[in-house]
Amino acid sequence: GAFLAGMMLGESHYRHQLEADIRPFRDILMGLFFVTVGMQLDISFVVNHAGIIVVALLGILILKIAVVTVSSLLMG
């Protein structure tokens, strides 16, 4: 029901006012989400697999840089 109400209100003339009214709640709920995800993090797993995690993060970073570089070269 809340999803359908949001869809209907998103199409209304008062959309910008609704977004301004809802923004504080969205920020609070997003913060709550990240806190709960952080509470579920297994620190011992991260410590035991730190090397793999660092290599994976560096790989993702290098891949991202490569994609942006190729995209910018293709677009001029």
PDB file of N, CA and C in Angstrom:
ATOM      1  N   GLY A   1       0.802  -1.176   0.000  1.00  0.00           N
ATOM      2  CA  GLY A   1       0.000   0.000   0.000  1.00  0.00           C
ATOM      3  C   GLY A   1       0.864   1.267   0.000  1.00  0.00           C
ATOM      4  N   ALA A   2       1.944   1.241   0.802  1.00  0.00           N
ATOM      5  CA  ALA A   2       2.812   2.418   0.884  1.00  0.00           C
ATOM      6  C   ALA A   2       3.505   2.663  -0.454  1.00  0.00           C
ATOM      7  N   PHE A   3       3.860   1.592  -1.147  1.00  0.00           N
ATOM      8  CA  PHE A   3       4.505   1.743  -2.454  1.00  0.00           C
ATOM      9  C   PHE A   3       3.551   2.405  -3.447  1.00  0.00           C
ATOM     10  N   LEU A   4       2.306   1.936  -3.492  1.00  0.00           N
ATOM     11  CA  LEU A   4       1.329   2.513  -4.409  1.00  0.00           C
ATOM     12  C   LEU A   4       1.027   3.961  -4.049  1.00  0.00           C
ATOM     13  N   ALA A   5       0.929   4.263  -2.748  1.00  0.00           N
ATOM     14  CA  ALA A   5       0.695   5.650  -2.335  1.00  0.00           C
ATOM     15  C   ALA A   5       1.869   6.523  -2.752  1.00  0.00           C
ATOM     16  N   GLY A   6       3.086   6.028  -2.595  1.00  0.00           N
ATOM     17  CA  GLY A   6       4.259   6.784  -3.022  1.00  0.00           C
ATOM     18  C   GLY A   6       4.270   7.025  -4.518  1.00  0.00           C
ATOM     19  N   MET A   7       3.883   6.019  -5.285  1.00  0.00           N
ATOM     20  CA  MET A   7       3.815   6.186  -6.741  1.00  0.00           C
ATOM     21  C   MET A   7       2.784   7.236  -7.128  1.00  0.00           C
ATOM     22  N   MET A   8       1.634   7.208  -6.469  1.00  0.00           N
ATOM     23  CA  MET A   8       0.582   8.172  -6.793  1.00  0.00           C
ATOM     24  C   MET A   8       0.989   9.581  -6.377  1.00  0.00           C
ATOM     25  N   LEU A   9       1.603   9.735  -5.203  1.00  0.00           N
ATOM     26  CA  LEU A   9       2.017  11.053  -4.749  1.00  0.00           C
ATOM     27  C   LEU A   9       3.202  11.573  -5.551  1.00  0.00           C
ATOM     28  N   GLY A  10       4.034  10.676  -6.057  1.00  0.00           N
ATOM     29  CA  GLY A  10       5.171  11.084  -6.876  1.00  0.00           C
ATOM     30  C   GLY A  10       4.756  11.702  -8.198  1.00  0.00           C
ATOM     31  N   GLU A  11       3.548  11.396  -8.627  1.00  0.00           N
ATOM     32  CA  GLU A  11       3.028  11.939  -9.885  1.00  0.00           C
ATOM     33  C   GLU A  11       2.234  13.236  -9.668  1.00  0.00           C
ATOM     34  N   SER A  12       2.036  13.634  -8.414  1.00  0.00           N
ATOM     35  CA  SER A  12       1.171  14.782  -8.135  1.00  0.00           C
ATOM     36  C   SER A  12       1.921  16.105  -8.305  1.00  0.00           C
ATOM     37  N   HIS A  13       1.183  17.191  -8.191  1.00  0.00           N
ATOM     38  CA  HIS A  13       1.755  18.529  -8.304  1.00  0.00           C
ATOM     39  C   HIS A  13       2.575  18.897  -7.074  1.00  0.00           C
ATOM     40  N   TYR A  14       2.357  18.191  -5.966  1.00  0.00           N
ATOM     41  CA  TYR A  14       3.032  18.494  -4.708  1.00  0.00           C
ATOM     42  C   TYR A  14       4.282  17.646  -4.499  1.00  0.00           C
ATOM     43  N   ARG A  15       4.813  17.106  -5.554  1.00  0.00           N
ATOM     44  CA  ARG A  15       5.941  16.185  -5.470  1.00  0.00           C
ATOM     45  C   ARG A  15       7.149  16.809  -4.776  1.00  0.00           C
ATOM     46  N   HIS A  16       7.499  18.034  -5.127  1.00  0.00           N
ATOM     47  CA  HIS A  16       8.688  18.675  -4.555  1.00  0.00           C
ATOM     48  C   HIS A  16       8.500  18.967  -3.072  1.00  0.00           C
ATOM     49  N   GLN A  17       7.294  19.352  -2.690  1.00  0.00           N
ATOM     50  CA  GLN A  17       7.005  19.582  -1.269  1.00  0.00           C
ATOM     51  C   GLN A  17       7.096  18.276  -0.493  1.00  0.00           C
ATOM     52  N   LEU A  18       6.589  17.196  -1.070  1.00  0.00           N
ATOM     53  CA  LEU A  18       6.652  15.892  -0.415  1.00  0.00           C
ATOM     54  C   LEU A  18       8.102  15.434  -0.254  1.00  0.00           C
ATOM     55  N   GLU A  19       8.910  15.643  -1.284  1.00  0.00           N
ATOM     56  CA  GLU A  19      10.317  15.270  -1.191  1.00  0.00           C
ATOM     57  C   GLU A  19      11.020  16.031  -0.078  1.00  0.00           C
ATOM     58  N   ALA A  20      10.715  17.313   0.057  1.00  0.00           N
ATOM     59  CA  ALA A  20      11.328  18.124   1.114  1.00  0.00           C
ATOM     60  C   ALA A  20      10.865  17.664   2.494  1.00  0.00           C
ATOM     61  N   ASP A  21       9.608  17.261   2.603  1.00  0.00           N
ATOM     62  CA  ASP A  21       9.082  16.797   3.888  1.00  0.00           C
ATOM     63  C   ASP A  21       9.642  15.429   4.285  1.00  0.00           C
ATOM     64  N   ILE A  22       9.899  14.579   3.313  1.00  0.00           N
ATOM     65  CA  ILE A  22      10.338  13.208   3.582  1.00  0.00           C
ATOM     66  C   ILE A  22      11.859  13.107   3.754  1.00  0.00           C
ATOM     67  N   ARG A  23      12.614  14.060   3.241  1.00  0.00           N
ATOM     68  CA  ARG A  23      14.078  13.987   3.247  1.00  0.00           C
ATOM     69  C   ARG A  23      14.693  13.690   4.618  1.00  0.00           C
ATOM     70  N   PRO A  24      14.291  14.331   5.708  1.00  0.00           N
ATOM     71  CA  PRO A  24      14.908  14.003   7.002  1.00  0.00           C
ATOM     72  C   PRO A  24      14.694  12.545   7.403  1.00  0.00           C
ATOM     73  N   PHE A  25      13.513  12.020   7.133  1.00  0.00           N
ATOM     74  CA  PHE A  25      13.233  10.628   7.474  1.00  0.00           C
ATOM     75  C   PHE A  25      14.048   9.680   6.613  1.00  0.00           C
ATOM     76  N   ARG A  26      14.230  10.042   5.353  1.00  0.00           N
ATOM     77  CA  ARG A  26      15.034   9.213   4.460  1.00  0.00           C
ATOM     78  C   ARG A  26      16.468   9.142   4.953  1.00  0.00           C
ATOM     79  N   ASP A  27      17.011  10.281   5.375  1.00  0.00           N
ATOM     80  CA  ASP A  27      18.385  10.306   5.856  1.00  0.00           C
ATOM     81  C   ASP A  27      18.543   9.495   7.137  1.00  0.00           C
ATOM     82  N   ILE A  28      17.577   9.596   8.043  1.00  0.00           N
ATOM     83  CA  ILE A  28      17.635   8.829   9.288  1.00  0.00           C
ATOM     84  C   ILE A  28      17.558   7.337   9.005  1.00  0.00           C
ATOM     85  N   LEU A  29      16.653   6.935   8.139  1.00  0.00           N
ATOM     86  CA  LEU A  29      16.504   5.509   7.831  1.00  0.00           C
ATOM     87  C   LEU A  29      17.711   4.969   7.077  1.00  0.00           C
ATOM     88  N   MET A  30      18.319   5.790   6.220  1.00  0.00           N
ATOM     89  CA  MET A  30      19.522   5.352   5.527  1.00  0.00           C
ATOM     90  C   MET A  30      20.665   5.162   6.524  1.00  0.00           C
ATOM     91  N   GLY A  31      20.788   6.073   7.479  1.00  0.00           N
ATOM     92  CA  GLY A  31      21.797   5.915   8.520  1.00  0.00           C
ATOM     93  C   GLY A  31      21.558   4.665   9.348  1.00  0.00           C
ATOM     94  N   LEU A  32      20.301   4.401   9.689  1.00  0.00           N
ATOM     95  CA  LEU A  32      19.958   3.196  10.436  1.00  0.00           C
ATOM     96  C   LEU A  32      20.311   1.942   9.649  1.00  0.00           C
ATOM     97  N   PHE A  33      20.088   1.962   8.353  1.00  0.00           N
ATOM     98  CA  PHE A  33      20.440   0.819   7.510  1.00  0.00           C
ATOM     99  C   PHE A  33      21.937   0.536   7.577  1.00  0.00           C
ATOM    100  N   PHE A  34      22.764   1.579   7.420  1.00  0.00           N
ATOM    101  CA  PHE A  34      24.200   1.361   7.422  1.00  0.00           C
ATOM    102  C   PHE A  34      24.711   0.959   8.795  1.00  0.00           C
ATOM    103  N   VAL A  35      24.080   1.423   9.864  1.00  0.00           N
ATOM    104  CA  VAL A  35      24.464   0.996  11.209  1.00  0.00           C
ATOM    105  C   VAL A  35      24.163  -0.485  11.391  1.00  0.00           C
ATOM    106  N   THR A  36      23.004  -0.938  10.950  1.00  0.00           N
ATOM    107  CA  THR A  36      22.665  -2.346  11.111  1.00  0.00           C
ATOM    108  C   THR A  36      23.558  -3.237  10.256  1.00  0.00           C
ATOM    109  N   VAL A  37      23.917  -2.788   9.067  1.00  0.00           N
ATOM    110  CA  VAL A  37      24.835  -3.567   8.234  1.00  0.00           C
ATOM    111  C   VAL A  37      26.204  -3.633   8.909  1.00  0.00           C
ATOM    112  N   GLY A  38      26.651  -2.513   9.467  1.00  0.00           N
ATOM    113  CA  GLY A  38      27.932  -2.489  10.164  1.00  0.00           C
ATOM    114  C   GLY A  38      27.945  -3.370  11.396  1.00  0.00           C
ATOM    115  N   MET A  39      26.823  -3.492  12.073  1.00  0.00           N
ATOM    116  CA  MET A  39      26.744  -4.341  13.257  1.00  0.00           C
ATOM    117  C   MET A  39      26.821  -5.814  12.892  1.00  0.00           C
ATOM    118  N   GLN A  40      26.471  -6.167  11.671  1.00  0.00           N
ATOM    119  CA  GLN A  40      26.511  -7.556  11.235  1.00  0.00           C
ATOM    120  C   GLN A  40      27.871  -7.948  10.674  1.00  0.00           C
ATOM    121  N   LEU A  41      28.786  -6.993  10.563  1.00  0.00           N
ATOM    122  CA  LEU A  41      30.109  -7.256  10.010  1.00  0.00           C
ATOM    123  C   LEU A  41      30.907  -8.141  10.963  1.00  0.00           C
ATOM    124  N   ASP A  42      31.474  -9.204  10.448  1.00  0.00           N
ATOM    125  CA  ASP A  42      32.285 -10.121  11.241  1.00  0.00           C
ATOM    126  C   ASP A  42      33.735  -9.664  11.151  1.00  0.00           C
ATOM    127  N   ILE A  43      34.226  -9.017  12.220  1.00  0.00           N
ATOM    128  CA  ILE A  43      35.569  -8.450  12.226  1.00  0.00           C
ATOM    129  C   ILE A  43      36.632  -9.535  12.074  1.00  0.00           C
ATOM    130  N   SER A  44      36.416 -10.693  12.684  1.00  0.00           N
ATOM    131  CA  SER A  44      37.420 -11.759  12.576  1.00  0.00           C
ATOM    132  C   SER A  44      37.564 -12.232  11.132  1.00  0.00           C
ATOM    133  N   PHE A  45      36.462 -12.260  10.378  1.00  0.00           N
ATOM    134  CA  PHE A  45      36.535 -12.636   8.968  1.00  0.00           C
ATOM    135  C   PHE A  45      37.358 -11.620   8.185  1.00  0.00           C
ATOM    136  N   VAL A  46      37.120 -10.340   8.461  1.00  0.00           N
ATOM    137  CA  VAL A  46      37.848  -9.276   7.763  1.00  0.00           C
ATOM    138  C   VAL A  46      39.340  -9.367   8.078  1.00  0.00           C
ATOM    139  N   VAL A  47      39.682  -9.605   9.334  1.00  0.00           N
ATOM    140  CA  VAL A  47      41.092  -9.702   9.730  1.00  0.00           C
ATOM    141  C   VAL A  47      41.742 -10.928   9.101  1.00  0.00           C
ATOM    142  N   ASN A  48      41.040 -12.046   9.087  1.00  0.00           N
ATOM    143  CA  ASN A  48      41.605 -13.281   8.532  1.00  0.00           C
ATOM    144  C   ASN A  48      41.759 -13.236   7.016  1.00  0.00           C
ATOM    145  N   HIS A  49      40.963 -12.428   6.357  1.00  0.00           N
ATOM    146  CA  HIS A  49      41.001 -12.353   4.891  1.00  0.00           C
ATOM    147  C   HIS A  49      41.389 -10.957   4.406  1.00  0.00           C
ATOM    148  N   ALA A  50      42.181 -10.242   5.176  1.00  0.00           N
ATOM    149  CA  ALA A  50      42.546  -8.865   4.849  1.00  0.00           C
ATOM    150  C   ALA A  50      43.274  -8.768   3.510  1.00  0.00           C
ATOM    151  N   GLY A  51      44.158  -9.693   3.219  1.00  0.00           N
ATOM    152  CA  GLY A  51      44.899  -9.668   1.957  1.00  0.00           C
ATOM    153  C   GLY A  51      43.988  -9.780   0.755  1.00  0.00           C
ATOM    154  N   ILE A  52      43.072 -10.722   0.801  1.00  0.00           N
ATOM    155  CA  ILE A  52      42.139 -10.920  -0.308  1.00  0.00           C
ATOM    156  C   ILE A  52      41.255  -9.684  -0.479  1.00  0.00           C
ATOM    157  N   ILE A  53      40.828  -9.110   0.634  1.00  0.00           N
ATOM    158  CA  ILE A  53      39.962  -7.930   0.573  1.00  0.00           C
ATOM    159  C   ILE A  53      40.703  -6.748  -0.042  1.00  0.00           C
ATOM    160  N   VAL A  54      41.962  -6.539   0.362  1.00  0.00           N
ATOM    161  CA  VAL A  54      42.749  -5.430  -0.180  1.00  0.00           C
ATOM    162  C   VAL A  54      42.985  -5.624  -1.680  1.00  0.00           C
ATOM    163  N   VAL A  55      43.323  -6.839  -2.089  1.00  0.00           N
ATOM    164  CA  VAL A  55      43.560  -7.122  -3.512  1.00  0.00           C
ATOM    165  C   VAL A  55      42.268  -6.902  -4.310  1.00  0.00           C
ATOM    166  N   ALA A  56      41.131  -7.345  -3.772  1.00  0.00           N
ATOM    167  CA  ALA A  56      39.856  -7.156  -4.467  1.00  0.00           C
ATOM    168  C   ALA A  56      39.521  -5.669  -4.596  1.00  0.00           C
ATOM    169  N   LEU A  57      39.732  -4.906  -3.529  1.00  0.00           N
ATOM    170  CA  LEU A  57      39.460  -3.475  -3.595  1.00  0.00           C
ATOM    171  C   LEU A  57      40.366  -2.767  -4.589  1.00  0.00           C
ATOM    172  N   LEU A  58      41.647  -3.130  -4.603  1.00  0.00           N
ATOM    173  CA  LEU A  58      42.562  -2.534  -5.571  1.00  0.00           C
ATOM    174  C   LEU A  58      42.179  -2.917  -6.998  1.00  0.00           C
ATOM    175  N   GLY A  59      41.759  -4.166  -7.197  1.00  0.00           N
ATOM    176  CA  GLY A  59      41.315  -4.602  -8.519  1.00  0.00           C
ATOM    177  C   GLY A  59      40.108  -3.811  -9.002  1.00  0.00           C
ATOM    178  N   ILE A  60      39.148  -3.602  -8.112  1.00  0.00           N
ATOM    179  CA  ILE A  60      37.963  -2.819  -8.468  1.00  0.00           C
ATOM    180  C   ILE A  60      38.358  -1.379  -8.780  1.00  0.00           C
ATOM    181  N   LEU A  61      39.249  -0.815  -7.982  1.00  0.00           N
ATOM    182  CA  LEU A  61      39.698   0.562  -8.211  1.00  0.00           C
ATOM    183  C   LEU A  61      40.408   0.695  -9.553  1.00  0.00           C
ATOM    184  N   ILE A  62      41.284  -0.230  -9.876  1.00  0.00           N
ATOM    185  CA  ILE A  62      42.001  -0.198 -11.157  1.00  0.00           C
ATOM    186  C   ILE A  62      41.028  -0.379 -12.316  1.00  0.00           C
ATOM    187  N   LEU A  63      40.070  -1.295 -12.172  1.00  0.00           N
ATOM    188  CA  LEU A  63      39.068  -1.496 -13.222  1.00  0.00           C
ATOM    189  C   LEU A  63      38.241  -0.234 -13.431  1.00  0.00           C
ATOM    190  N   LYS A  64      37.854   0.415 -12.347  1.00  0.00           N
ATOM    191  CA  LYS A  64      37.074   1.645 -12.451  1.00  0.00           C
ATOM    192  C   LYS A  64      37.865   2.740 -13.154  1.00  0.00           C
ATOM    193  N   ILE A  65      39.134   2.897 -12.797  1.00  0.00           N
ATOM    194  CA  ILE A  65      39.983   3.897 -13.447  1.00  0.00           C
ATOM    195  C   ILE A  65      40.133   3.592 -14.927  1.00  0.00           C
ATOM    196  N   ALA A  66      40.297   2.317 -15.262  1.00  0.00           N
ATOM    197  CA  ALA A  66      40.444   1.931 -16.666  1.00  0.00           C
ATOM    198  C   ALA A  66      39.182   2.234 -17.463  1.00  0.00           C
ATOM    199  N   VAL A  67      38.019   1.946 -16.888  1.00  0.00           N
ATOM    200  CA  VAL A  67      36.757   2.203 -17.587  1.00  0.00           C
ATOM    201  C   VAL A  67      36.562   3.703 -17.808  1.00  0.00           C
ATOM    202  N   VAL A  68      36.853   4.511 -16.793  1.00  0.00           N
ATOM    203  CA  VAL A  68      36.697   5.955 -16.931  1.00  0.00           C
ATOM    204  C   VAL A  68      37.687   6.500 -17.957  1.00  0.00           C
ATOM    205  N   THR A  69      38.924   5.995 -17.952  1.00  0.00           N
ATOM    206  CA  THR A  69      39.931   6.455 -18.906  1.00  0.00           C
ATOM    207  C   THR A  69      39.532   6.108 -20.341  1.00  0.00           C
ATOM    208  N   VAL A  70      39.108   4.874 -20.552  1.00  0.00           N
ATOM    209  CA  VAL A  70      38.696   4.463 -21.898  1.00  0.00           C
ATOM    210  C   VAL A  70      37.472   5.276 -22.348  1.00  0.00           C
ATOM    211  N   SER A  71      36.514   5.465 -21.452  1.00  0.00           N
ATOM    212  CA  SER A  71      35.327   6.245 -21.792  1.00  0.00           C
ATOM    213  C   SER A  71      35.670   7.666 -22.163  1.00  0.00           C
ATOM    214  N   SER A  72      36.569   8.276 -21.386  1.00  0.00           N
ATOM    215  CA  SER A  72      36.937   9.666 -21.684  1.00  0.00           C
ATOM    216  C   SER A  72      37.730   9.771 -22.988  1.00  0.00           C
ATOM    217  N   LEU A  73      38.551   8.772 -23.301  1.00  0.00           N
ATOM    218  CA  LEU A  73      39.286   8.795 -24.564  1.00  0.00           C
ATOM    219  C   LEU A  73      38.330   8.626 -25.757  1.00  0.00           C
ATOM    220  N   LEU A  74      37.331   7.776 -25.584  1.00  0.00           N
ATOM    221  CA  LEU A  74      36.372   7.565 -26.674  1.00  0.00           C
ATOM    222  C   LEU A  74      35.484   8.786 -26.896  1.00  0.00           C
ATOM    223  N   MET A  75      35.199   9.517 -25.848  1.00  0.00           N
ATOM    224  CA  MET A  75      34.327  10.689 -25.971  1.00  0.00           C
ATOM    225  C   MET A  75      35.108  11.958 -26.337  1.00  0.00           C
ATOM    226  N   GLY A  76      36.409  11.865 -26.277  1.00  0.00           N
ATOM    227  CA  GLY A  76      37.214  13.018 -26.671  1.00  0.00           C
ATOM    228  C   GLY A  76      37.404  13.928 -25.509  1.00  0.00           C
TER     229      GLY A  76
END
